[in-house]
PDB file of all heavy atoms in Angstrom:
ATOM      1  N   GLN A   1      31.547 -42.660 -66.229  1.00  0.00           N
ATOM      2  CA  GLN A   1      31.909 -43.820 -65.405  1.00  0.00           C
ATOM      3  C   GLN A   1      30.962 -44.988 -65.671  1.00  0.00           C
ATOM      4  O   GLN A   1      31.407 -46.125 -65.811  1.00  0.00           O
ATOM      5  CB  GLN A   1      31.877 -43.443 -63.919  1.00  0.00           C
ATOM      6  CG  GLN A   1      32.281 -44.537 -62.993  1.00  0.00           C
ATOM      7  CD  GLN A   1      33.769 -44.825 -63.016  1.00  0.00           C
ATOM      8  OE1 GLN A   1      34.553 -44.056 -63.536  1.00  0.00           O
ATOM      9  NE2 GLN A   1      34.149 -45.940 -62.462  1.00  0.00           N
ATOM     10  N   ILE A   2      29.679 -44.729 -65.758  1.00  0.00           N
ATOM     11  CA  ILE A   2      28.705 -45.787 -66.032  1.00  0.00           C
ATOM     12  C   ILE A   2      28.924 -46.379 -67.426  1.00  0.00           C
ATOM     13  O   ILE A   2      28.894 -47.599 -67.601  1.00  0.00           O
ATOM     14  CB  ILE A   2      27.266 -45.265 -65.858  1.00  0.00           C
ATOM     15  CG1 ILE A   2      26.996 -44.991 -64.375  1.00  0.00           C
ATOM     16  CG2 ILE A   2      26.242 -46.244 -66.423  1.00  0.00           C
ATOM     17  CD1 ILE A   2      25.705 -44.265 -64.100  1.00  0.00           C
ATOM     18  N   ALA A   3      29.166 -45.525 -68.414  1.00  0.00           N
ATOM     19  CA  ALA A   3      29.429 -46.006 -69.773  1.00  0.00           C
ATOM     20  C   ALA A   3      30.689 -46.869 -69.811  1.00  0.00           C
ATOM     21  O   ALA A   3      30.726 -47.902 -70.496  1.00  0.00           O
ATOM     22  CB  ALA A   3      29.557 -44.832 -70.727  1.00  0.00           C
ATOM     23  N   LEU A   4      31.712 -46.485 -69.072  1.00  0.00           N
ATOM     24  CA  LEU A   4      32.946 -47.260 -69.003  1.00  0.00           C
ATOM     25  C   LEU A   4      32.702 -48.622 -68.364  1.00  0.00           C
ATOM     26  O   LEU A   4      33.202 -49.651 -68.844  1.00  0.00           O
ATOM     27  CB  LEU A   4      34.005 -46.481 -68.226  1.00  0.00           C
ATOM     28  CG  LEU A   4      35.381 -47.103 -68.127  1.00  0.00           C
ATOM     29  CD1 LEU A   4      35.997 -47.242 -69.507  1.00  0.00           C
ATOM     30  CD2 LEU A   4      36.265 -46.249 -67.243  1.00  0.00           C
ATOM     31  N   LEU A   5      31.924 -48.662 -67.305  1.00  0.00           N
ATOM     32  CA  LEU A   5      31.605 -49.934 -66.638  1.00  0.00           C
ATOM     33  C   LEU A   5      30.821 -50.864 -67.564  1.00  0.00           C
ATOM     34  O   LEU A   5      31.087 -52.070 -67.616  1.00  0.00           O
ATOM     35  CB  LEU A   5      30.823 -49.682 -65.357  1.00  0.00           C
ATOM     36  CG  LEU A   5      31.598 -49.013 -64.225  1.00  0.00           C
ATOM     37  CD1 LEU A   5      30.655 -48.660 -63.089  1.00  0.00           C
ATOM     38  CD2 LEU A   5      32.718 -49.892 -63.741  1.00  0.00           C
ATOM     39  N   VAL A   6      29.872 -50.314 -68.289  1.00  0.00           N
ATOM     40  CA  VAL A   6      29.084 -51.119 -69.227  1.00  0.00           C
ATOM     41  C   VAL A   6      29.989 -51.668 -70.326  1.00  0.00           C
ATOM     42  O   VAL A   6      29.896 -52.844 -70.706  1.00  0.00           O
ATOM     43  CB  VAL A   6      27.917 -50.295 -69.807  1.00  0.00           C
ATOM     44  CG1 VAL A   6      27.260 -51.003 -70.973  1.00  0.00           C
ATOM     45  CG2 VAL A   6      26.901 -49.985 -68.724  1.00  0.00           C
ATOM     46  N   TRP A   7      30.887 -50.829 -70.850  1.00  0.00           N
ATOM     47  CA  TRP A   7      31.788 -51.275 -71.902  1.00  0.00           C
ATOM     48  C   TRP A   7      32.707 -52.392 -71.405  1.00  0.00           C
ATOM     49  O   TRP A   7      32.903 -53.392 -72.100  1.00  0.00           O
ATOM     50  CB  TRP A   7      32.635 -50.113 -72.431  1.00  0.00           C
ATOM     51  CG  TRP A   7      33.589 -50.577 -73.475  1.00  0.00           C
ATOM     52  CD1 TRP A   7      33.330 -50.815 -74.792  1.00  0.00           C
ATOM     53  CD2 TRP A   7      34.967 -50.926 -73.274  1.00  0.00           C
ATOM     54  NE1 TRP A   7      34.461 -51.280 -75.415  1.00  0.00           N
ATOM     55  CE2 TRP A   7      35.481 -51.347 -74.513  1.00  0.00           C
ATOM     56  CE3 TRP A   7      35.807 -50.906 -72.163  1.00  0.00           C
ATOM     57  CZ2 TRP A   7      36.792 -51.751 -74.674  1.00  0.00           C
ATOM     58  CZ3 TRP A   7      37.126 -51.308 -72.329  1.00  0.00           C
ATOM     59  CH2 TRP A   7      37.604 -51.729 -73.572  1.00  0.00           C
ATOM     60  N   VAL A   8      33.260 -52.239 -70.206  1.00  0.00           N
ATOM     61  CA  VAL A   8      34.146 -53.271 -69.650  1.00  0.00           C
ATOM     62  C   VAL A   8      33.387 -54.586 -69.490  1.00  0.00           C
ATOM     63  O   VAL A   8      33.900 -55.652 -69.841  1.00  0.00           O
ATOM     64  CB  VAL A   8      34.761 -52.813 -68.305  1.00  0.00           C
ATOM     65  CG1 VAL A   8      35.402 -53.977 -67.567  1.00  0.00           C
ATOM     66  CG2 VAL A   8      35.779 -51.714 -68.534  1.00  0.00           C
ATOM     67  N   ALA A   9      32.173 -54.529 -69.000  1.00  0.00           N
ATOM     68  CA  ALA A   9      31.385 -55.749 -68.805  1.00  0.00           C
ATOM     69  C   ALA A   9      31.094 -56.432 -70.134  1.00  0.00           C
ATOM     70  O   ALA A   9      31.266 -57.652 -70.271  1.00  0.00           O
ATOM     71  CB  ALA A   9      30.084 -55.425 -68.085  1.00  0.00           C
ATOM     72  N   LYS A  10      30.669 -55.677 -71.136  1.00  0.00           N
ATOM     73  CA  LYS A  10      30.358 -56.260 -72.440  1.00  0.00           C
ATOM     74  C   LYS A  10      31.606 -56.796 -73.127  1.00  0.00           C
ATOM     75  O   LYS A  10      31.581 -57.862 -73.730  1.00  0.00           O
ATOM     76  CB  LYS A  10      29.681 -55.225 -73.336  1.00  0.00           C
ATOM     77  CG  LYS A  10      28.251 -54.960 -72.971  1.00  0.00           C
ATOM     78  CD  LYS A  10      27.607 -54.018 -73.949  1.00  0.00           C
ATOM     79  CE  LYS A  10      26.147 -53.825 -73.636  1.00  0.00           C
ATOM     80  NZ  LYS A  10      25.472 -53.002 -74.642  1.00  0.00           N
ATOM     81  N   ASP A  11      32.701 -56.056 -73.039  1.00  0.00           N
ATOM     82  CA  ASP A  11      33.938 -56.485 -73.682  1.00  0.00           C
ATOM     83  C   ASP A  11      34.486 -57.739 -73.012  1.00  0.00           C
ATOM     84  O   ASP A  11      34.927 -58.663 -73.693  1.00  0.00           O
ATOM     85  CB  ASP A  11      34.970 -55.360 -73.642  1.00  0.00           C
ATOM     86  CG  ASP A  11      36.191 -55.671 -74.474  1.00  0.00           C
ATOM     87  OD1 ASP A  11      36.048 -55.794 -75.720  1.00  0.00           O
ATOM     88  OD2 ASP A  11      37.288 -55.797 -73.899  1.00  0.00           O
ATOM     89  N   ALA A  12      34.459 -57.785 -71.696  1.00  0.00           N
ATOM     90  CA  ALA A  12      34.945 -58.972 -70.987  1.00  0.00           C
ATOM     91  C   ALA A  12      34.097 -60.196 -71.326  1.00  0.00           C
ATOM     92  O   ALA A  12      34.625 -61.287 -71.529  1.00  0.00           O
ATOM     93  CB  ALA A  12      34.943 -58.722 -69.481  1.00  0.00           C
ATOM     94  N   LYS A  13      32.798 -60.024 -71.409  1.00  0.00           N
ATOM     95  CA  LYS A  13      31.906 -61.132 -71.765  1.00  0.00           C
ATOM     96  C   LYS A  13      32.167 -61.590 -73.196  1.00  0.00           C
ATOM     97  O   LYS A  13      32.233 -62.784 -73.471  1.00  0.00           O
ATOM     98  CB  LYS A  13      30.450 -60.688 -71.598  1.00  0.00           C
ATOM     99  CG  LYS A  13      29.444 -61.730 -71.953  1.00  0.00           C
ATOM    100  CD  LYS A  13      29.331 -62.783 -70.906  1.00  0.00           C
ATOM    101  CE  LYS A  13      28.178 -63.702 -71.269  1.00  0.00           C
ATOM    102  NZ  LYS A  13      28.074 -64.825 -70.408  1.00  0.00           N
ATOM    103  N   ALA A  14      32.351 -60.655 -74.122  1.00  0.00           N
ATOM    104  CA  ALA A  14      32.595 -60.998 -75.521  1.00  0.00           C
ATOM    105  C   ALA A  14      33.919 -61.727 -75.691  1.00  0.00           C
ATOM    106  O   ALA A  14      34.072 -62.542 -76.594  1.00  0.00           O
ATOM    107  CB  ALA A  14      32.578 -59.740 -76.385  1.00  0.00           C
ATOM    108  N   ARG A  15      34.876 -61.443 -74.834  1.00  0.00           N
ATOM    109  CA  ARG A  15      36.189 -62.086 -74.928  1.00  0.00           C
ATOM    110  C   ARG A  15      36.258 -63.361 -74.099  1.00  0.00           C
ATOM    111  O   ARG A  15      37.304 -63.981 -73.991  1.00  0.00           O
ATOM    112  CB  ARG A  15      37.277 -61.109 -74.519  1.00  0.00           C
ATOM    113  CG  ARG A  15      37.382 -59.965 -75.502  1.00  0.00           C
ATOM    114  CD  ARG A  15      38.398 -58.938 -75.123  1.00  0.00           C
ATOM    115  NE  ARG A  15      38.348 -57.826 -76.037  1.00  0.00           N
ATOM    116  CZ  ARG A  15      38.972 -57.788 -77.216  1.00  0.00           C
ATOM    117  NH1 ARG A  15      39.697 -58.801 -77.604  1.00  0.00           N
ATOM    118  NH2 ARG A  15      38.871 -56.732 -77.990  1.00  0.00           N
ATOM    119  N   GLY A  16      35.152 -63.759 -73.491  1.00  0.00           N
ATOM    120  CA  GLY A  16      35.093 -65.017 -72.762  1.00  0.00           C
ATOM    121  C   GLY A  16      35.785 -64.992 -71.408  1.00  0.00           C
ATOM    122  O   GLY A  16      36.150 -66.035 -70.878  1.00  0.00           O
ATOM    123  N   MET A  17      35.951 -63.823 -70.819  1.00  0.00           N
ATOM    124  CA  MET A  17      36.602 -63.716 -69.521  1.00  0.00           C
ATOM    125  C   MET A  17      35.596 -64.057 -68.419  1.00  0.00           C
ATOM    126  O   MET A  17      34.453 -63.612 -68.461  1.00  0.00           O
ATOM    127  CB  MET A  17      37.143 -62.303 -69.321  1.00  0.00           C
ATOM    128  CG  MET A  17      38.212 -61.924 -70.332  1.00  0.00           C
ATOM    129  SD  MET A  17      38.713 -60.217 -70.216  1.00  0.00           S
ATOM    130  CE  MET A  17      39.623 -60.234 -68.688  1.00  0.00           C
ATOM    131  N   ASP A  18      36.037 -64.829 -67.444  1.00  0.00           N
ATOM    132  CA  ASP A  18      35.147 -65.259 -66.365  1.00  0.00           C
ATOM    133  C   ASP A  18      34.868 -64.164 -65.349  1.00  0.00           C
ATOM    134  O   ASP A  18      33.803 -64.107 -64.777  1.00  0.00           O
ATOM    135  CB  ASP A  18      35.732 -66.471 -65.649  1.00  0.00           C
ATOM    136  CG  ASP A  18      35.746 -67.697 -66.538  1.00  0.00           C
ATOM    137  OD1 ASP A  18      34.856 -67.806 -67.400  1.00  0.00           O
ATOM    138  OD2 ASP A  18      36.639 -68.531 -66.360  1.00  0.00           O
ATOM    139  N   GLY A  19      35.806 -63.282 -65.086  1.00  0.00           N
ATOM    140  CA  GLY A  19      35.679 -62.307 -64.014  1.00  0.00           C
ATOM    141  C   GLY A  19      35.201 -60.941 -64.460  1.00  0.00           C
ATOM    142  O   GLY A  19      35.760 -59.924 -64.035  1.00  0.00           O
ATOM    143  N   ALA A  20      34.174 -60.862 -65.274  1.00  0.00           N
ATOM    144  CA  ALA A  20      33.695 -59.569 -65.758  1.00  0.00           C
ATOM    145  C   ALA A  20      33.242 -58.668 -64.606  1.00  0.00           C
ATOM    146  O   ALA A  20      33.515 -57.462 -64.613  1.00  0.00           O
ATOM    147  CB  ALA A  20      32.555 -59.756 -66.757  1.00  0.00           C
ATOM    148  N   ILE A  21      32.594 -59.231 -63.616  1.00  0.00           N
ATOM    149  CA  ILE A  21      32.121 -58.446 -62.469  1.00  0.00           C
ATOM    150  C   ILE A  21      33.307 -57.912 -61.665  1.00  0.00           C
ATOM    151  O   ILE A  21      33.299 -56.761 -61.219  1.00  0.00           O
ATOM    152  CB  ILE A  21      31.204 -59.305 -61.560  1.00  0.00           C
ATOM    153  CG1 ILE A  21      29.983 -59.784 -62.337  1.00  0.00           C
ATOM    154  CG2 ILE A  21      30.793 -58.536 -60.317  1.00  0.00           C
ATOM    155  CD1 ILE A  21      29.061 -58.690 -62.798  1.00  0.00           C
ATOM    156  N   LEU A  22      34.333 -58.735 -61.502  1.00  0.00           N
ATOM    157  CA  LEU A  22      35.515 -58.276 -60.770  1.00  0.00           C
ATOM    158  C   LEU A  22      36.226 -57.141 -61.510  1.00  0.00           C
ATOM    159  O   LEU A  22      36.710 -56.193 -60.884  1.00  0.00           O
ATOM    160  CB  LEU A  22      36.473 -59.441 -60.526  1.00  0.00           C
ATOM    161  CG  LEU A  22      35.947 -60.532 -59.612  1.00  0.00           C
ATOM    162  CD1 LEU A  22      36.931 -61.687 -59.530  1.00  0.00           C
ATOM    163  CD2 LEU A  22      35.651 -59.978 -58.236  1.00  0.00           C
ATOM    164  N   TRP A  23      36.289 -57.240 -62.830  1.00  0.00           N
ATOM    165  CA  TRP A  23      36.892 -56.153 -63.606  1.00  0.00           C
ATOM    166  C   TRP A  23      36.061 -54.880 -63.467  1.00  0.00           C
ATOM    167  O   TRP A  23      36.609 -53.782 -63.371  1.00  0.00           O
ATOM    168  CB  TRP A  23      37.049 -56.547 -65.064  1.00  0.00           C
ATOM    169  CG  TRP A  23      38.214 -57.436 -65.291  1.00  0.00           C
ATOM    170  CD1 TRP A  23      38.184 -58.754 -65.655  1.00  0.00           C
ATOM    171  CD2 TRP A  23      39.587 -57.098 -65.130  1.00  0.00           C
ATOM    172  NE1 TRP A  23      39.466 -59.237 -65.735  1.00  0.00           N
ATOM    173  CE2 TRP A  23      40.344 -58.243 -65.421  1.00  0.00           C
ATOM    174  CE3 TRP A  23      40.254 -55.925 -64.777  1.00  0.00           C
ATOM    175  CZ2 TRP A  23      41.731 -58.258 -65.373  1.00  0.00           C
ATOM    176  CZ3 TRP A  23      41.640 -55.940 -64.729  1.00  0.00           C
ATOM    177  CH2 TRP A  23      42.368 -57.097 -65.024  1.00  0.00           C
ATOM    178  N   MET A  24      34.741 -55.026 -63.468  1.00  0.00           N
ATOM    179  CA  MET A  24      33.884 -53.852 -63.287  1.00  0.00           C
ATOM    180  C   MET A  24      34.144 -53.201 -61.933  1.00  0.00           C
ATOM    181  O   MET A  24      34.217 -51.973 -61.829  1.00  0.00           O
ATOM    182  CB  MET A  24      32.402 -54.238 -63.401  1.00  0.00           C
ATOM    183  CG  MET A  24      31.933 -54.454 -64.793  1.00  0.00           C
ATOM    184  SD  MET A  24      30.198 -54.935 -64.857  1.00  0.00           S
ATOM    185  CE  MET A  24      29.406 -53.564 -64.049  1.00  0.00           C
ATOM    186  N   LEU A  25      34.263 -54.001 -60.890  1.00  0.00           N
ATOM    187  CA  LEU A  25      34.525 -53.457 -59.552  1.00  0.00           C
ATOM    188  C   LEU A  25      35.884 -52.769 -59.490  1.00  0.00           C
ATOM    189  O   LEU A  25      36.026 -51.715 -58.860  1.00  0.00           O
ATOM    190  CB  LEU A  25      34.450 -54.560 -58.503  1.00  0.00           C
ATOM    191  CG  LEU A  25      33.057 -55.102 -58.208  1.00  0.00           C
ATOM    192  CD1 LEU A  25      33.138 -56.295 -57.281  1.00  0.00           C
ATOM    193  CD2 LEU A  25      32.176 -54.017 -57.629  1.00  0.00           C
ATOM    194  N   LEU A  26      36.890 -53.343 -60.147  1.00  0.00           N
ATOM    195  CA  LEU A  26      38.211 -52.723 -60.176  1.00  0.00           C
ATOM    196  C   LEU A  26      38.167 -51.376 -60.896  1.00  0.00           C
ATOM    197  O   LEU A  26      38.728 -50.388 -60.415  1.00  0.00           O
ATOM    198  CB  LEU A  26      39.219 -53.659 -60.852  1.00  0.00           C
ATOM    199  CG  LEU A  26      40.651 -53.162 -60.883  1.00  0.00           C
ATOM    200  CD1 LEU A  26      41.220 -53.120 -59.471  1.00  0.00           C
ATOM    201  CD2 LEU A  26      41.505 -54.041 -61.772  1.00  0.00           C
ATOM    202  N   VAL A  27      37.465 -51.331 -62.020  1.00  0.00           N
ATOM    203  CA  VAL A  27      37.346 -50.073 -62.769  1.00  0.00           C
ATOM    204  C   VAL A  27      36.500 -49.062 -61.993  1.00  0.00           C
ATOM    205  O   VAL A  27      36.744 -47.859 -62.061  1.00  0.00           O
ATOM    206  CB  VAL A  27      36.776 -50.331 -64.175  1.00  0.00           C
ATOM    207  CG1 VAL A  27      36.444 -49.050 -64.897  1.00  0.00           C
ATOM    208  CG2 VAL A  27      37.766 -51.155 -65.002  1.00  0.00           C
ATOM    209  N   LEU A  28      35.530 -49.539 -61.226  1.00  0.00           N
ATOM    210  CA  LEU A  28      34.707 -48.640 -60.418  1.00  0.00           C
ATOM    211  C   LEU A  28      35.519 -48.013 -59.288  1.00  0.00           C
ATOM    212  O   LEU A  28      35.441 -46.811 -59.051  1.00  0.00           O
ATOM    213  CB  LEU A  28      33.514 -49.402 -59.839  1.00  0.00           C
ATOM    214  CG  LEU A  28      32.582 -48.608 -58.929  1.00  0.00           C
ATOM    215  CD1 LEU A  28      31.880 -47.520 -59.722  1.00  0.00           C
ATOM    216  CD2 LEU A  28      31.567 -49.520 -58.280  1.00  0.00           C
ATOM    217  N   CYS A  29      36.324 -48.820 -58.619  1.00  0.00           N
ATOM    218  CA  CYS A  29      37.097 -48.330 -57.468  1.00  0.00           C
ATOM    219  C   CYS A  29      38.321 -47.525 -57.891  1.00  0.00           C
ATOM    220  O   CYS A  29      38.670 -46.536 -57.239  1.00  0.00           O
ATOM    221  CB  CYS A  29      37.521 -49.490 -56.590  1.00  0.00           C
ATOM    222  SG  CYS A  29      36.138 -50.338 -55.823  1.00  0.00           S
ATOM    223  N   PHE A  30      38.995 -47.958 -58.938  1.00  0.00           N
ATOM    224  CA  PHE A  30      40.212 -47.297 -59.425  1.00  0.00           C
ATOM    225  C   PHE A  30      40.076 -47.087 -60.933  1.00  0.00           C
ATOM    226  O   PHE A  30      40.625 -47.877 -61.715  1.00  0.00           O
ATOM    227  CB  PHE A  30      41.446 -48.159 -59.131  1.00  0.00           C
ATOM    228  CG  PHE A  30      41.560 -48.583 -57.706  1.00  0.00           C
ATOM    229  CD1 PHE A  30      41.205 -49.865 -57.313  1.00  0.00           C
ATOM    230  CD2 PHE A  30      42.009 -47.701 -56.748  1.00  0.00           C
ATOM    231  CE1 PHE A  30      41.309 -50.271 -56.000  1.00  0.00           C
ATOM    232  CE2 PHE A  30      42.113 -48.083 -55.420  1.00  0.00           C
ATOM    233  CZ  PHE A  30      41.763 -49.370 -55.048  1.00  0.00           C
ATOM    234  N   PRO A  31      39.354 -46.059 -61.368  1.00  0.00           N
ATOM    235  CA  PRO A  31      38.998 -45.924 -62.784  1.00  0.00           C
ATOM    236  C   PRO A  31      40.179 -45.983 -63.754  1.00  0.00           C
ATOM    237  O   PRO A  31      40.188 -46.812 -64.662  1.00  0.00           O
ATOM    238  CB  PRO A  31      38.295 -44.573 -62.857  1.00  0.00           C
ATOM    239  CG  PRO A  31      37.810 -44.315 -61.486  1.00  0.00           C
ATOM    240  CD  PRO A  31      38.776 -44.979 -60.573  1.00  0.00           C
ATOM    241  N   LEU A  32      41.164 -45.145 -63.599  1.00  0.00           N
ATOM    242  CA  LEU A  32      42.252 -45.103 -64.564  1.00  0.00           C
ATOM    243  C   LEU A  32      43.142 -46.341 -64.455  1.00  0.00           C
ATOM    244  O   LEU A  32      43.435 -46.996 -65.462  1.00  0.00           O
ATOM    245  CB  LEU A  32      43.081 -43.826 -64.366  1.00  0.00           C
ATOM    246  CG  LEU A  32      44.165 -43.592 -65.405  1.00  0.00           C
ATOM    247  CD1 LEU A  32      43.566 -43.498 -66.800  1.00  0.00           C
ATOM    248  CD2 LEU A  32      44.940 -42.339 -65.084  1.00  0.00           C
ATOM    249  N   LEU A  33      43.553 -46.693 -63.258  1.00  0.00           N
ATOM    250  CA  LEU A  33      44.399 -47.863 -63.061  1.00  0.00           C
ATOM    251  C   LEU A  33      43.667 -49.145 -63.464  1.00  0.00           C
ATOM    252  O   LEU A  33      44.232 -50.012 -64.132  1.00  0.00           O
ATOM    253  CB  LEU A  33      44.839 -47.954 -61.598  1.00  0.00           C
ATOM    254  CG  LEU A  33      45.712 -49.152 -61.243  1.00  0.00           C
ATOM    255  CD1 LEU A  33      47.032 -49.094 -61.992  1.00  0.00           C
ATOM    256  CD2 LEU A  33      45.938 -49.214 -59.750  1.00  0.00           C
ATOM    257  N   GLY A  34      42.410 -49.259 -63.092  1.00  0.00           N
ATOM    258  CA  GLY A  34      41.624 -50.439 -63.448  1.00  0.00           C
ATOM    259  C   GLY A  34      41.463 -50.599 -64.944  1.00  0.00           C
ATOM    260  O   GLY A  34      41.579 -51.702 -65.483  1.00  0.00           O
ATOM    261  N   LEU A  35      41.218 -49.500 -65.642  1.00  0.00           N
ATOM    262  CA  LEU A  35      41.062 -49.558 -67.093  1.00  0.00           C
ATOM    263  C   LEU A  35      42.376 -49.950 -67.761  1.00  0.00           C
ATOM    264  O   LEU A  35      42.395 -50.780 -68.667  1.00  0.00           O
ATOM    265  CB  LEU A  35      40.575 -48.208 -67.633  1.00  0.00           C
ATOM    266  CG  LEU A  35      40.362 -48.149 -69.141  1.00  0.00           C
ATOM    267  CD1 LEU A  35      39.281 -49.127 -69.569  1.00  0.00           C
ATOM    268  CD2 LEU A  35      40.004 -46.739 -69.559  1.00  0.00           C
TER     269      LEU A  35
END
């Protein structure tokens, strides 16, 4: 779960997405659906 959160944050930042933290929270709360 931690590795997935780190990957989502880095990938969102690399793609220029503004809501990286919100995506991390979504993946944290609903792992499969969020991903």
